[in-house]
Amino acid sequence: MARIHSEAARILGERVKAARLRIGISQEDLGELADMHFSNIGKIERGNSNPNLATIVALAGPLGVDPGEWLAGLTPAMLPGRTHQVTAADLIAARAEGRS
C-alpha cells in the first residue's frame, strides 16, 4: 500500500472522492471529463499524490465544485516536513526587533 503524501493530501483526496460519489460517477468517468488517467484520480483520492493547481481545477470543474472549497482549512503545517508555521506577521515582528 502506498504511503499518504501528507495530511493535506489526505484531506483533499477525501473531498475529491466525496464530490465524485455525490454525483455518482466513477474514477474512470471523472478521468475522462478531467482529461487524466483514472489511476491518477485514485492516487489523489487516497492521498498518495500531491496534485498541482491545474489538476485541482481540472477535477473541480466537472464535479461542479469551487476548488477553493477543497482547500479550505488546509495549512502549511499539514505538509511534509513542517513542524511549525511562521506567518508574515511573525517575520515582520522579528525583523523589527532586530533593527531596534
C-alpha atoms as a PDB file:
ATOM      1  CA  MET A   1       0.000   0.000   0.000  1.00  0.00           C
ATOM      2  CA  ALA A   2       1.322   3.428  -0.943  1.00  0.00           C
ATOM      3  CA  ARG A   3       2.101   5.945   1.764  1.00  0.00           C
ATOM      4  CA  ILE A   4      -0.098   9.008   2.298  1.00  0.00           C
ATOM      5  CA  HIS A   5       1.762  12.041   0.952  1.00  0.00           C
ATOM      6  CA  SER A   6       0.622  14.440   3.684  1.00  0.00           C
ATOM      7  CA  GLU A   7      -2.316  15.269   5.913  1.00  0.00           C
ATOM      8  CA  ALA A   8      -3.283  17.990   3.419  1.00  0.00           C
ATOM      9  CA  ALA A   9      -3.210  15.468   0.537  1.00  0.00           C
ATOM     10  CA  ARG A  10      -5.347  13.027   2.549  1.00  0.00           C
ATOM     11  CA  ILE A  11      -7.986  15.670   3.293  1.00  0.00           C
ATOM     12  CA  LEU A  12      -8.019  16.943  -0.287  1.00  0.00           C
ATOM     13  CA  GLY A  13      -8.385  13.376  -1.544  1.00  0.00           C
ATOM     14  CA  GLU A  14     -11.329  12.730   0.747  1.00  0.00           C
ATOM     15  CA  ARG A  15     -13.008  15.892  -0.539  1.00  0.00           C
ATOM     16  CA  VAL A  16     -12.460  14.952  -4.190  1.00  0.00           C
ATOM     17  CA  LYS A  17     -13.838  11.449  -3.605  1.00  0.00           C
ATOM     18  CA  ALA A  18     -16.879  12.755  -1.715  1.00  0.00           C
ATOM     19  CA  ALA A  19     -17.698  15.169  -4.552  1.00  0.00           C
ATOM     20  CA  ARG A  20     -17.323  12.415  -7.146  1.00  0.00           C
ATOM     21  CA  LEU A  21     -19.505   9.971  -5.212  1.00  0.00           C
ATOM     22  CA  ARG A  22     -22.100  12.674  -4.510  1.00  0.00           C
ATOM     23  CA  ILE A  23     -22.849  12.911  -8.237  1.00  0.00           C
ATOM     24  CA  GLY A  24     -22.461   9.178  -8.781  1.00  0.00           C
ATOM     25  CA  ILE A  25     -19.643   8.889 -11.293  1.00  0.00           C
ATOM     26  CA  SER A  26     -16.664   6.526 -11.389  1.00  0.00           C
ATOM     27  CA  GLN A  27     -12.996   7.427 -11.308  1.00  0.00           C
ATOM     28  CA  GLU A  28     -12.926   6.435 -14.988  1.00  0.00           C
ATOM     29  CA  ASP A  29     -15.749   8.883 -15.771  1.00  0.00           C
ATOM     30  CA  LEU A  30     -14.041  11.697 -13.890  1.00  0.00           C
ATOM     31  CA  GLY A  31     -10.770  10.885 -15.624  1.00  0.00           C
ATOM     32  CA  GLU A  32     -12.430  11.241 -18.993  1.00  0.00           C
ATOM     33  CA  LEU A  33     -14.106  14.510 -18.010  1.00  0.00           C
ATOM     34  CA  ALA A  34     -10.923  15.974 -16.480  1.00  0.00           C
ATOM     35  CA  ASP A  35      -8.637  14.607 -19.220  1.00  0.00           C
ATOM     36  CA  MET A  36      -6.483  12.488 -16.919  1.00  0.00           C
ATOM     37  CA  HIS A  37      -5.940   8.805 -16.281  1.00  0.00           C
ATOM     38  CA  PHE A  38      -8.271   7.258 -13.713  1.00  0.00           C
ATOM     39  CA  SER A  39      -5.321   5.793 -11.795  1.00  0.00           C
ATOM     40  CA  ASN A  40      -4.147   9.340 -11.026  1.00  0.00           C
ATOM     41  CA  ILE A  41      -7.568  10.145  -9.624  1.00  0.00           C
ATOM     42  CA  GLY A  42      -7.299   7.098  -7.378  1.00  0.00           C
ATOM     43  CA  LYS A  43      -3.914   8.264  -6.116  1.00  0.00           C
ATOM     44  CA  ILE A  44      -5.325  11.708  -5.347  1.00  0.00           C
ATOM     45  CA  GLU A  45      -8.369  10.282  -3.570  1.00  0.00           C
ATOM     46  CA  ARG A  46      -6.163   8.049  -1.394  1.00  0.00           C
ATOM     47  CA  GLY A  47      -3.850  10.955  -0.502  1.00  0.00           C
ATOM     48  CA  ASN A  48      -0.926   9.297  -2.323  1.00  0.00           C
ATOM     49  CA  SER A  49      -0.453  12.256  -4.647  1.00  0.00           C
ATOM     50  CA  ASN A  50       0.097  15.962  -4.218  1.00  0.00           C
ATOM     51  CA  PRO A  51      -1.879  17.484  -7.122  1.00  0.00           C
ATOM     52  CA  ASN A  52      -0.933  20.863  -8.540  1.00  0.00           C
ATOM     53  CA  LEU A  53      -3.338  23.746  -9.036  1.00  0.00           C
ATOM     54  CA  ALA A  54      -4.107  22.840 -12.659  1.00  0.00           C
ATOM     55  CA  THR A  55      -5.095  19.320 -11.619  1.00  0.00           C
ATOM     56  CA  ILE A  56      -7.291  20.550  -8.768  1.00  0.00           C
ATOM     57  CA  VAL A  57      -9.112  22.957 -11.081  1.00  0.00           C
ATOM     58  CA  ALA A  58      -9.460  20.269 -13.791  1.00  0.00           C
ATOM     59  CA  LEU A  59     -11.099  17.915 -11.292  1.00  0.00           C
ATOM     60  CA  ALA A  60     -13.337  20.530  -9.679  1.00  0.00           C
ATOM     61  CA  GLY A  61     -14.888  21.739 -12.928  1.00  0.00           C
ATOM     62  CA  PRO A  62     -16.688  18.543 -13.987  1.00  0.00           C
ATOM     63  CA  LEU A  63     -17.791  17.931 -10.396  1.00  0.00           C
ATOM     64  CA  GLY A  64     -19.327  21.402 -10.112  1.00  0.00           C
ATOM     65  CA  VAL A  65     -17.169  22.299  -7.110  1.00  0.00           C
ATOM     66  CA  ASP A  66     -15.390  25.553  -6.346  1.00  0.00           C
ATOM     67  CA  PRO A  67     -11.756  24.408  -5.953  1.00  0.00           C
ATOM     68  CA  GLY A  68     -11.414  26.787  -3.011  1.00  0.00           C
ATOM     69  CA  GLU A  69     -13.833  24.610  -1.044  1.00  0.00           C
ATOM     70  CA  TRP A  70     -11.387  21.718  -1.312  1.00  0.00           C
ATOM     71  CA  LEU A  71      -8.521  23.853   0.010  1.00  0.00           C
ATOM     72  CA  ALA A  72     -10.425  25.442   2.897  1.00  0.00           C
ATOM     73  CA  GLY A  73      -8.788  24.802   6.240  1.00  0.00           C
ATOM     74  CA  LEU A  74      -5.575  23.319   4.848  1.00  0.00           C
ATOM     75  CA  THR A  75      -2.444  24.811   6.417  1.00  0.00           C
ATOM     76  CA  PRO A  76       1.313  24.640   5.787  1.00  0.00           C
ATOM     77  CA  ALA A  77       1.622  22.614   8.991  1.00  0.00           C
ATOM     78  CA  MET A  78      -0.213  19.798   7.187  1.00  0.00           C
ATOM     79  CA  LEU A  79       2.589  19.468   4.630  1.00  0.00           C
ATOM     80  CA  PRO A  80       5.570  17.127   4.985  1.00  0.00           C
ATOM     81  CA  GLY A  81       8.490  18.488   6.994  1.00  0.00           C
ATOM     82  CA  ARG A  82       6.509  21.316   8.548  1.00  0.00           C
ATOM     83  CA  THR A  83       6.714  21.334  12.330  1.00  0.00           C
ATOM     84  CA  HIS A  84       5.640  24.932  12.850  1.00  0.00           C
ATOM     85  CA  GLN A  85       4.087  27.759  10.903  1.00  0.00           C
ATOM     86  CA  VAL A  86       5.708  31.179  10.633  1.00  0.00           C
ATOM     87  CA  THR A  87       3.393  33.919   9.434  1.00  0.00           C
ATOM     88  CA  ALA A  88       4.261  37.130   7.624  1.00  0.00           C
ATOM     89  CA  ALA A  89       3.400  38.992  10.853  1.00  0.00           C
ATOM     90  CA  ASP A  90       5.964  36.855  12.737  1.00  0.00           C
ATOM     91  CA  LEU A  91       8.624  37.660  10.134  1.00  0.00           C
ATOM     92  CA  ILE A  92       7.906  41.390  10.245  1.00  0.00           C
ATOM     93  CA  ALA A  93       7.984  41.419  14.069  1.00  0.00           C
ATOM     94  CA  ALA A  94      11.286  39.514  14.134  1.00  0.00           C
ATOM     95  CA  ARG A  95      12.838  41.919  11.647  1.00  0.00           C
ATOM     96  CA  ALA A  96      11.602  44.909  13.651  1.00  0.00           C
ATOM     97  CA  GLU A  97      13.148  43.501  16.842  1.00  0.00           C
ATOM     98  CA  GLY A  98      16.453  43.027  15.061  1.00  0.00           C
ATOM     99  CA  ARG A  99      16.523  46.663  13.936  1.00  0.00           C
ATOM    100  CA  SER A 100      15.790  48.155  17.371  1.00  0.00           C
END
